[in-house]
Amino acid sequence: MLLIRPPGVYRPQGDTELLVSCVHHERLGRASRVLDLCTGTGAVALAAAGDGARVTAVDLSRRAVATAWLNARLHRSQVRLRRGDLLAPVAERRFDLITANPPYVPAVAPAGGRPGPGLAWDAGPDGRLVLDRICREAPRRLAPGGVLLLVQSSLADVPATLAALGASGLRTAVTARRRQAFGPVMTARAALFERLGLIAPGERHEVLVVVRGVRER
């Protein structure tokens, strides 16, 4: 998919591709209500819209929201864009599918909402600054039978995600995996990851996973 991606907006990568592939396995139609969190360029939102769903996409970054709007226009796709902090812009609405590709890279200090590229990936010392919030907040916004698709790295404690979503009443499973070499950001932090015990000395790969959670009807 051809996408506009200006500096400062997260470039679709392996995690985006993995999440999009999972979206295409969901049964979406014109009645399906989809929420895409941390939308970036809008790639995942556009994939859901292309499958016929009614899509709302949210990002904290003004530049990302503008970029997703341009990409929706480029592809003549109907996506409702909102700027804000995760689920705050959608009030108490319920959705049949919530997707999220949040920041999950462990960092010495979180981006803390400051502008800059780190906002798209920095997620605190354990990589869970945003993941934990999604695990708490998203299940309450799922319609009965609704699905949450959440992509993250193995370095950000996948069992913690499964446990948190299970505690929120979702039936959970890892539905997709992809092993890949570190990109520039992860490579630059490899020494930090080694000190934290997240990787073995010399290891330069991670496993991306998509966690699927289903709210019972």
C-alpha atoms as a PDB file:
ATOM      1  CA  MET A   1       0.000   0.000   0.000  1.00  0.00           C
ATOM      2  CA  LEU A   2       1.369   3.380  -1.025  1.00  0.00           C
ATOM      3  CA  LEU A   3       1.446   5.661   2.026  1.00  0.00           C
ATOM      4  CA  ILE A   4       2.615   9.193   2.700  1.00  0.00           C
ATOM      5  CA  ARG A   5       5.048   9.088   5.625  1.00  0.00           C
ATOM      6  CA  PRO A   6       6.615  12.425   6.601  1.00  0.00           C
ATOM      7  CA  PRO A   7       9.478  12.700   9.109  1.00  0.00           C
ATOM      8  CA  GLY A   8       8.318  12.209  12.673  1.00  0.00           C
ATOM      9  CA  VAL A   9       5.564   9.705  11.832  1.00  0.00           C
ATOM     10  CA  TYR A  10       6.144   6.009  12.486  1.00  0.00           C
ATOM     11  CA  ARG A  11       7.010   4.154   9.294  1.00  0.00           C
ATOM     12  CA  PRO A  12       4.980   0.956   8.774  1.00  0.00           C
ATOM     13  CA  GLN A  13       7.268  -1.983   9.517  1.00  0.00           C
ATOM     14  CA  GLY A  14       7.058  -5.657  10.406  1.00  0.00           C
ATOM     15  CA  ASP A  15       4.724  -5.046  13.330  1.00  0.00           C
ATOM     16  CA  THR A  16       2.339  -3.109  11.075  1.00  0.00           C
ATOM     17  CA  GLU A  17       2.365  -5.878   8.474  1.00  0.00           C
ATOM     18  CA  LEU A  18       1.730  -8.542  11.102  1.00  0.00           C
ATOM     19  CA  LEU A  19      -1.197  -6.619  12.574  1.00  0.00           C
ATOM     20  CA  VAL A  20      -2.708  -5.929   9.143  1.00  0.00           C
ATOM     21  CA  SER A  21      -2.556  -9.627   8.289  1.00  0.00           C
ATOM     22  CA  CYS A  22      -4.522 -10.388  11.467  1.00  0.00           C
ATOM     23  CA  VAL A  23      -7.096  -7.695  10.676  1.00  0.00           C
ATOM     24  CA  HIS A  24      -7.756  -9.376   7.339  1.00  0.00           C
ATOM     25  CA  HIS A  25      -8.586 -12.616   9.169  1.00  0.00           C
ATOM     26  CA  GLU A  26     -11.398 -10.957  11.131  1.00  0.00           C
ATOM     27  CA  ARG A  27     -14.929 -10.990   9.765  1.00  0.00           C
ATOM     28  CA  LEU A  28     -15.559  -7.350   8.964  1.00  0.00           C
ATOM     29  CA  GLY A  29     -18.434  -5.792   7.067  1.00  0.00           C
ATOM     30  CA  ARG A  30     -20.348  -2.566   6.721  1.00  0.00           C
ATOM     31  CA  ALA A  31     -21.855  -2.952  10.185  1.00  0.00           C
ATOM     32  CA  SER A  32     -18.473  -3.536  11.864  1.00  0.00           C
ATOM     33  CA  ARG A  33     -17.238  -0.752  14.128  1.00  0.00           C
ATOM     34  CA  VAL A  34     -13.438  -0.594  14.295  1.00  0.00           C
ATOM     35  CA  LEU A  35     -11.144   1.551  16.442  1.00  0.00           C
ATOM     36  CA  ASP A  36      -7.464   1.823  15.516  1.00  0.00           C
ATOM     37  CA  LEU A  37      -5.295   3.161  18.352  1.00  0.00           C
ATOM     38  CA  CYS A  38      -1.867   4.743  17.761  1.00  0.00           C
ATOM     39  CA  THR A  39      -2.728   4.873  14.067  1.00  0.00           C
ATOM     40  CA  GLY A  40       0.456   6.554  12.772  1.00  0.00           C
ATOM     41  CA  THR A  41       0.183   6.665   8.988  1.00  0.00           C
ATOM     42  CA  GLY A  42      -3.244   5.022   9.200  1.00  0.00           C
ATOM     43  CA  ALA A  43      -2.079   1.769   7.583  1.00  0.00           C
ATOM     44  CA  VAL A  44      -4.075  -0.525   9.889  1.00  0.00           C
ATOM     45  CA  ALA A  45      -7.145   1.714   9.799  1.00  0.00           C
ATOM     46  CA  LEU A  46      -7.056   1.709   5.990  1.00  0.00           C
ATOM     47  CA  ALA A  47      -6.795  -2.081   5.945  1.00  0.00           C
ATOM     48  CA  ALA A  48      -9.931  -2.378   8.083  1.00  0.00           C
ATOM     49  CA  ALA A  49     -11.757   0.210   5.980  1.00  0.00           C
ATOM     50  CA  GLY A  50     -10.758  -1.696   2.861  1.00  0.00           C
ATOM     51  CA  ASP A  51     -12.487  -4.745   4.331  1.00  0.00           C
ATOM     52  CA  GLY A  52     -15.683  -2.708   4.574  1.00  0.00           C
ATOM     53  CA  ALA A  53     -15.684  -1.633   8.224  1.00  0.00           C
ATOM     54  CA  ARG A  54     -16.597   1.736   9.710  1.00  0.00           C
ATOM     55  CA  VAL A  55     -13.281   2.903  11.154  1.00  0.00           C
ATOM     56  CA  THR A  56     -12.245   5.493  13.709  1.00  0.00           C
ATOM     57  CA  ALA A  57      -8.504   6.089  14.111  1.00  0.00           C
ATOM     58  CA  VAL A  58      -6.785   7.865  17.012  1.00  0.00           C
ATOM     59  CA  ASP A  59      -3.276   9.159  17.601  1.00  0.00           C
ATOM     60  CA  LEU A  60      -1.704  11.505  20.139  1.00  0.00           C
ATOM     61  CA  SER A  61       0.501  13.102  17.476  1.00  0.00           C
ATOM     62  CA  ARG A  62      -0.965  15.940  15.413  1.00  0.00           C
ATOM     63  CA  ARG A  63       1.404  15.072  12.594  1.00  0.00           C
ATOM     64  CA  ALA A  64       0.282  11.442  12.610  1.00  0.00           C
ATOM     65  CA  VAL A  65      -3.406  12.407  12.503  1.00  0.00           C
ATOM     66  CA  ALA A  66      -2.749  14.755   9.571  1.00  0.00           C
ATOM     67  CA  THR A  67      -0.768  12.029   7.815  1.00  0.00           C
ATOM     68  CA  ALA A  68      -3.498   9.425   8.309  1.00  0.00           C
ATOM     69  CA  TRP A  69      -6.048  11.920   6.958  1.00  0.00           C
ATOM     70  CA  LEU A  70      -3.941  12.466   3.834  1.00  0.00           C
ATOM     71  CA  ASN A  71      -3.509   8.726   3.330  1.00  0.00           C
ATOM     72  CA  ALA A  72      -7.240   8.170   3.690  1.00  0.00           C
ATOM     73  CA  ARG A  73      -7.842  10.809   1.024  1.00  0.00           C
ATOM     74  CA  LEU A  74      -5.153   9.270  -1.174  1.00  0.00           C
ATOM     75  CA  HIS A  75      -6.902   5.894  -1.033  1.00  0.00           C
ATOM     76  CA  ARG A  76     -10.421   7.372  -1.131  1.00  0.00           C
ATOM     77  CA  SER A  77     -11.170   5.653   2.132  1.00  0.00           C
ATOM     78  CA  GLN A  78     -13.658   6.732   4.791  1.00  0.00           C
ATOM     79  CA  VAL A  79     -11.780   6.859   8.103  1.00  0.00           C
ATOM     80  CA  ARG A  80     -12.812   9.100  10.981  1.00  0.00           C
ATOM     81  CA  LEU A  81      -9.692  10.669  12.516  1.00  0.00           C
ATOM     82  CA  ARG A  82      -9.390  11.849  16.111  1.00  0.00           C
ATOM     83  CA  ARG A  83      -6.415  13.295  17.985  1.00  0.00           C
ATOM     84  CA  GLY A  84      -6.074  12.366  21.628  1.00  0.00           C
ATOM     85  CA  ASP A  85      -4.836  10.015  24.297  1.00  0.00           C
ATOM     86  CA  LEU A  86      -5.835   6.440  23.442  1.00  0.00           C
ATOM     87  CA  LEU A  87      -9.581   5.957  24.067  1.00  0.00           C
ATOM     88  CA  ALA A  88     -10.312   9.421  25.432  1.00  0.00           C
ATOM     89  CA  PRO A  89     -11.516  10.860  22.066  1.00  0.00           C
ATOM     90  CA  VAL A  90     -14.192   8.184  21.599  1.00  0.00           C
ATOM     91  CA  ALA A  91     -16.078   8.758  24.873  1.00  0.00           C
ATOM     92  CA  GLU A  92     -18.053   5.656  25.844  1.00  0.00           C
ATOM     93  CA  ARG A  93     -18.481   4.151  22.381  1.00  0.00           C
ATOM     94  CA  ARG A  94     -18.240   0.388  21.885  1.00  0.00           C
ATOM     95  CA  PHE A  95     -16.435  -1.348  19.038  1.00  0.00           C
ATOM     96  CA  ASP A  96     -16.479  -4.739  17.358  1.00  0.00           C
ATOM     97  CA  LEU A  97     -12.728  -4.614  16.763  1.00  0.00           C
ATOM     98  CA  ILE A  98     -10.012  -2.559  18.444  1.00  0.00           C
ATOM     99  CA  THR A  99      -6.525  -2.640  16.959  1.00  0.00           C
ATOM    100  CA  ALA A 100      -3.370  -1.170  18.463  1.00  0.00           C
ATOM    101  CA  ASN A 101       0.290  -0.870  17.519  1.00  0.00           C
ATOM    102  CA  PRO A 102       1.431   1.122  20.554  1.00  0.00           C
ATOM    103  CA  PRO A 103       4.887   2.176  21.720  1.00  0.00           C
ATOM    104  CA  TYR A 104       6.527  -0.883  23.312  1.00  0.00           C
ATOM    105  CA  VAL A 105      10.304  -0.370  23.135  1.00  0.00           C
ATOM    106  CA  PRO A 106      11.984  -0.286  26.560  1.00  0.00           C
ATOM    107  CA  ALA A 107      13.675   3.049  27.173  1.00  0.00           C
ATOM    108  CA  VAL A 108      15.636   4.718  29.947  1.00  0.00           C
ATOM    109  CA  ALA A 109      12.871   7.322  30.175  1.00  0.00           C
ATOM    110  CA  PRO A 110       9.466   7.477  28.448  1.00  0.00           C
ATOM    111  CA  ALA A 111       8.767  10.049  25.752  1.00  0.00           C
ATOM    112  CA  GLY A 112       6.097  11.428  28.089  1.00  0.00           C
ATOM    113  CA  GLY A 113       3.980  12.914  25.328  1.00  0.00           C
ATOM    114  CA  ARG A 114       6.755  15.192  24.097  1.00  0.00           C
ATOM    115  CA  PRO A 115       6.909  15.789  20.340  1.00  0.00           C
ATOM    116  CA  GLY A 116       9.477  13.854  18.383  1.00  0.00           C
ATOM    117  CA  PRO A 117       9.952  10.419  16.833  1.00  0.00           C
ATOM    118  CA  GLY A 118      10.452   8.712  20.206  1.00  0.00           C
ATOM    119  CA  LEU A 119       6.773   9.242  20.945  1.00  0.00           C
ATOM    120  CA  ALA A 120       6.030   6.365  18.540  1.00  0.00           C
ATOM    121  CA  TRP A 121       8.152   3.753  20.307  1.00  0.00           C
ATOM    122  CA  ASP A 122       9.535   4.785  23.743  1.00  0.00           C
ATOM    123  CA  ALA A 123       7.540   3.025  26.478  1.00  0.00           C
ATOM    124  CA  GLY A 124       9.400   3.220  29.777  1.00  0.00           C
ATOM    125  CA  PRO A 125      11.939   0.859  31.372  1.00  0.00           C
ATOM    126  CA  ASP A 126       9.867  -2.295  30.767  1.00  0.00           C
ATOM    127  CA  GLY A 127       8.193  -1.269  27.493  1.00  0.00           C
ATOM    128  CA  ARG A 128       4.743  -1.431  29.078  1.00  0.00           C
ATOM    129  CA  LEU A 129       3.866   2.219  29.689  1.00  0.00           C
ATOM    130  CA  VAL A 130       1.138   2.206  27.009  1.00  0.00           C
ATOM    131  CA  LEU A 131       0.516  -1.536  26.808  1.00  0.00           C
ATOM    132  CA  ASP A 132      -0.712  -1.676  30.402  1.00  0.00           C
ATOM    133  CA  ARG A 133      -3.131   1.188  29.796  1.00  0.00           C
ATOM    134  CA  ILE A 134      -4.574  -0.490  26.730  1.00  0.00           C
ATOM    135  CA  CYS A 135      -4.979  -3.745  28.653  1.00  0.00           C
ATOM    136  CA  ARG A 136      -6.948  -1.870  31.335  1.00  0.00           C
ATOM    137  CA  GLU A 137      -9.039   0.420  29.140  1.00  0.00           C
ATOM    138  CA  ALA A 138      -9.716  -1.330  25.830  1.00  0.00           C
ATOM    139  CA  PRO A 139     -11.681  -4.375  27.095  1.00  0.00           C
ATOM    140  CA  ARG A 140     -14.383  -2.072  28.490  1.00  0.00           C
ATOM    141  CA  ARG A 141     -14.882  -0.580  25.029  1.00  0.00           C
ATOM    142  CA  LEU A 142     -15.499  -3.863  23.241  1.00  0.00           C
ATOM    143  CA  ALA A 143     -19.016  -4.815  22.246  1.00  0.00           C
ATOM    144  CA  PRO A 144     -20.147  -8.337  23.200  1.00  0.00           C
ATOM    145  CA  GLY A 145     -18.168 -10.720  21.015  1.00  0.00           C
ATOM    146  CA  GLY A 146     -15.749  -7.891  20.185  1.00  0.00           C
ATOM    147  CA  VAL A 147     -12.052  -8.506  19.466  1.00  0.00           C
ATOM    148  CA  LEU A 148      -8.871  -6.709  20.521  1.00  0.00           C
ATOM    149  CA  LEU A 149      -5.762  -7.146  18.344  1.00  0.00           C
ATOM    150  CA  LEU A 150      -2.604  -5.837  20.012  1.00  0.00           C
ATOM    151  CA  VAL A 151       0.892  -6.102  18.531  1.00  0.00           C
ATOM    152  CA  GLN A 152       4.033  -5.936  20.654  1.00  0.00           C
ATOM    153  CA  SER A 153       7.592  -7.191  21.014  1.00  0.00           C
ATOM    154  CA  SER A 154       8.654 -10.193  23.049  1.00  0.00           C
ATOM    155  CA  LEU A 155      10.909  -7.773  24.964  1.00  0.00           C
ATOM    156  CA  ALA A 156       7.816  -6.120  26.513  1.00  0.00           C
ATOM    157  CA  ASP A 157       6.543  -9.145  28.486  1.00  0.00           C
ATOM    158  CA  VAL A 158       3.909 -10.906  26.410  1.00  0.00           C
ATOM    159  CA  PRO A 159       2.730 -13.055  29.370  1.00  0.00           C
ATOM    160  CA  ALA A 160       1.899  -9.837  31.255  1.00  0.00           C
ATOM    161  CA  THR A 161      -0.361  -8.760  28.383  1.00  0.00           C
ATOM    162  CA  LEU A 162      -2.119 -12.118  28.287  1.00  0.00           C
ATOM    163  CA  ALA A 163      -2.619 -12.064  32.050  1.00  0.00           C
ATOM    164  CA  ALA A 164      -3.905  -8.477  32.145  1.00  0.00           C
ATOM    165  CA  LEU A 165      -6.401  -9.040  29.346  1.00  0.00           C
ATOM    166  CA  GLY A 166      -7.511 -12.301  30.897  1.00  0.00           C
ATOM    167  CA  ALA A 167      -8.096 -10.511  34.191  1.00  0.00           C
ATOM    168  CA  SER A 168     -10.263  -8.017  32.281  1.00  0.00           C
ATOM    169  CA  GLY A 169     -12.499 -10.852  31.142  1.00  0.00           C
ATOM    170  CA  LEU A 170     -11.130 -11.492  27.657  1.00  0.00           C
ATOM    171  CA  ARG A 171     -10.364 -14.896  26.189  1.00  0.00           C
ATOM    172  CA  THR A 172      -6.796 -14.451  24.976  1.00  0.00           C
ATOM    173  CA  ALA A 173      -4.229 -16.098  22.726  1.00  0.00           C
ATOM    174  CA  VAL A 174      -1.165 -15.217  20.712  1.00  0.00           C
ATOM    175  CA  THR A 175      -2.546 -15.397  17.205  1.00  0.00           C
ATOM    176  CA  ALA A 176       0.537 -14.474  15.124  1.00  0.00           C
ATOM    177  CA  ARG A 177       4.323 -14.370  15.530  1.00  0.00           C
ATOM    178  CA  ARG A 178       7.234 -13.073  13.505  1.00  0.00           C
ATOM    179  CA  ARG A 179      10.938 -13.276  14.388  1.00  0.00           C
ATOM    180  CA  GLN A 180      12.963 -10.424  12.970  1.00  0.00           C
ATOM    181  CA  ALA A 181      16.344  -8.753  13.314  1.00  0.00           C
ATOM    182  CA  PHE A 182      16.617  -5.559  15.312  1.00  0.00           C
ATOM    183  CA  GLY A 183      16.066  -2.343  13.404  1.00  0.00           C
ATOM    184  CA  PRO A 184      18.066   0.845  14.058  1.00  0.00           C
ATOM    185  CA  VAL A 185      16.224   1.838  17.259  1.00  0.00           C
ATOM    186  CA  MET A 186      16.480  -1.605  18.850  1.00  0.00           C
ATOM    187  CA  THR A 187      20.108  -2.021  17.779  1.00  0.00           C
ATOM    188  CA  ALA A 188      21.030   1.294  19.376  1.00  0.00           C
ATOM    189  CA  ARG A 189      19.539   0.046  22.669  1.00  0.00           C
ATOM    190  CA  ALA A 190      20.909  -3.486  22.582  1.00  0.00           C
ATOM    191  CA  ALA A 191      23.363  -2.796  25.404  1.00  0.00           C
ATOM    192  CA  LEU A 192      20.489  -1.494  27.556  1.00  0.00           C
ATOM    193  CA  PHE A 193      18.424  -4.591  26.795  1.00  0.00           C
ATOM    194  CA  GLU A 194      21.342  -6.796  27.797  1.00  0.00           C
ATOM    195  CA  ARG A 195      21.752  -4.925  31.109  1.00  0.00           C
ATOM    196  CA  LEU A 196      18.032  -5.316  31.794  1.00  0.00           C
ATOM    197  CA  GLY A 197      18.209  -9.043  31.034  1.00  0.00           C
ATOM    198  CA  LEU A 198      15.728  -8.742  28.157  1.00  0.00           C
ATOM    199  CA  ILE A 199      18.095 -10.377  25.659  1.00  0.00           C
ATOM    200  CA  ALA A 200      21.114 -12.639  25.887  1.00  0.00           C
ATOM    201  CA  PRO A 201      24.540 -11.119  25.233  1.00  0.00           C
ATOM    202  CA  GLY A 202      24.994 -10.685  21.502  1.00  0.00           C
ATOM    203  CA  GLU A 203      21.366 -11.400  20.676  1.00  0.00           C
ATOM    204  CA  ARG A 204      19.979  -9.028  18.053  1.00  0.00           C
ATOM    205  CA  HIS A 205      16.523 -10.447  17.268  1.00  0.00           C
ATOM    206  CA  GLU A 206      13.058 -10.028  18.703  1.00  0.00           C
ATOM    207  CA  VAL A 207       9.771 -11.855  18.246  1.00  0.00           C
ATOM    208  CA  LEU A 208       6.779  -9.739  17.313  1.00  0.00           C
ATOM    209  CA  VAL A 209       3.443 -11.115  18.436  1.00  0.00           C
ATOM    210  CA  VAL A 210      -0.206 -10.218  17.986  1.00  0.00           C
ATOM    211  CA  VAL A 211      -2.301 -10.903  21.072  1.00  0.00           C
ATOM    212  CA  ARG A 212      -5.974 -11.504  20.317  1.00  0.00           C
ATOM    213  CA  GLY A 213      -8.526 -10.978  23.057  1.00  0.00           C
ATOM    214  CA  VAL A 214     -12.230 -11.752  22.692  1.00  0.00           C
ATOM    215  CA  ARG A 215     -14.996 -10.439  24.901  1.00  0.00           C
ATOM    216  CA  GLU A 216     -17.587 -13.109  25.553  1.00  0.00           C
ATOM    217  CA  ARG A 217     -21.078 -12.467  24.278  1.00  0.00           C
END
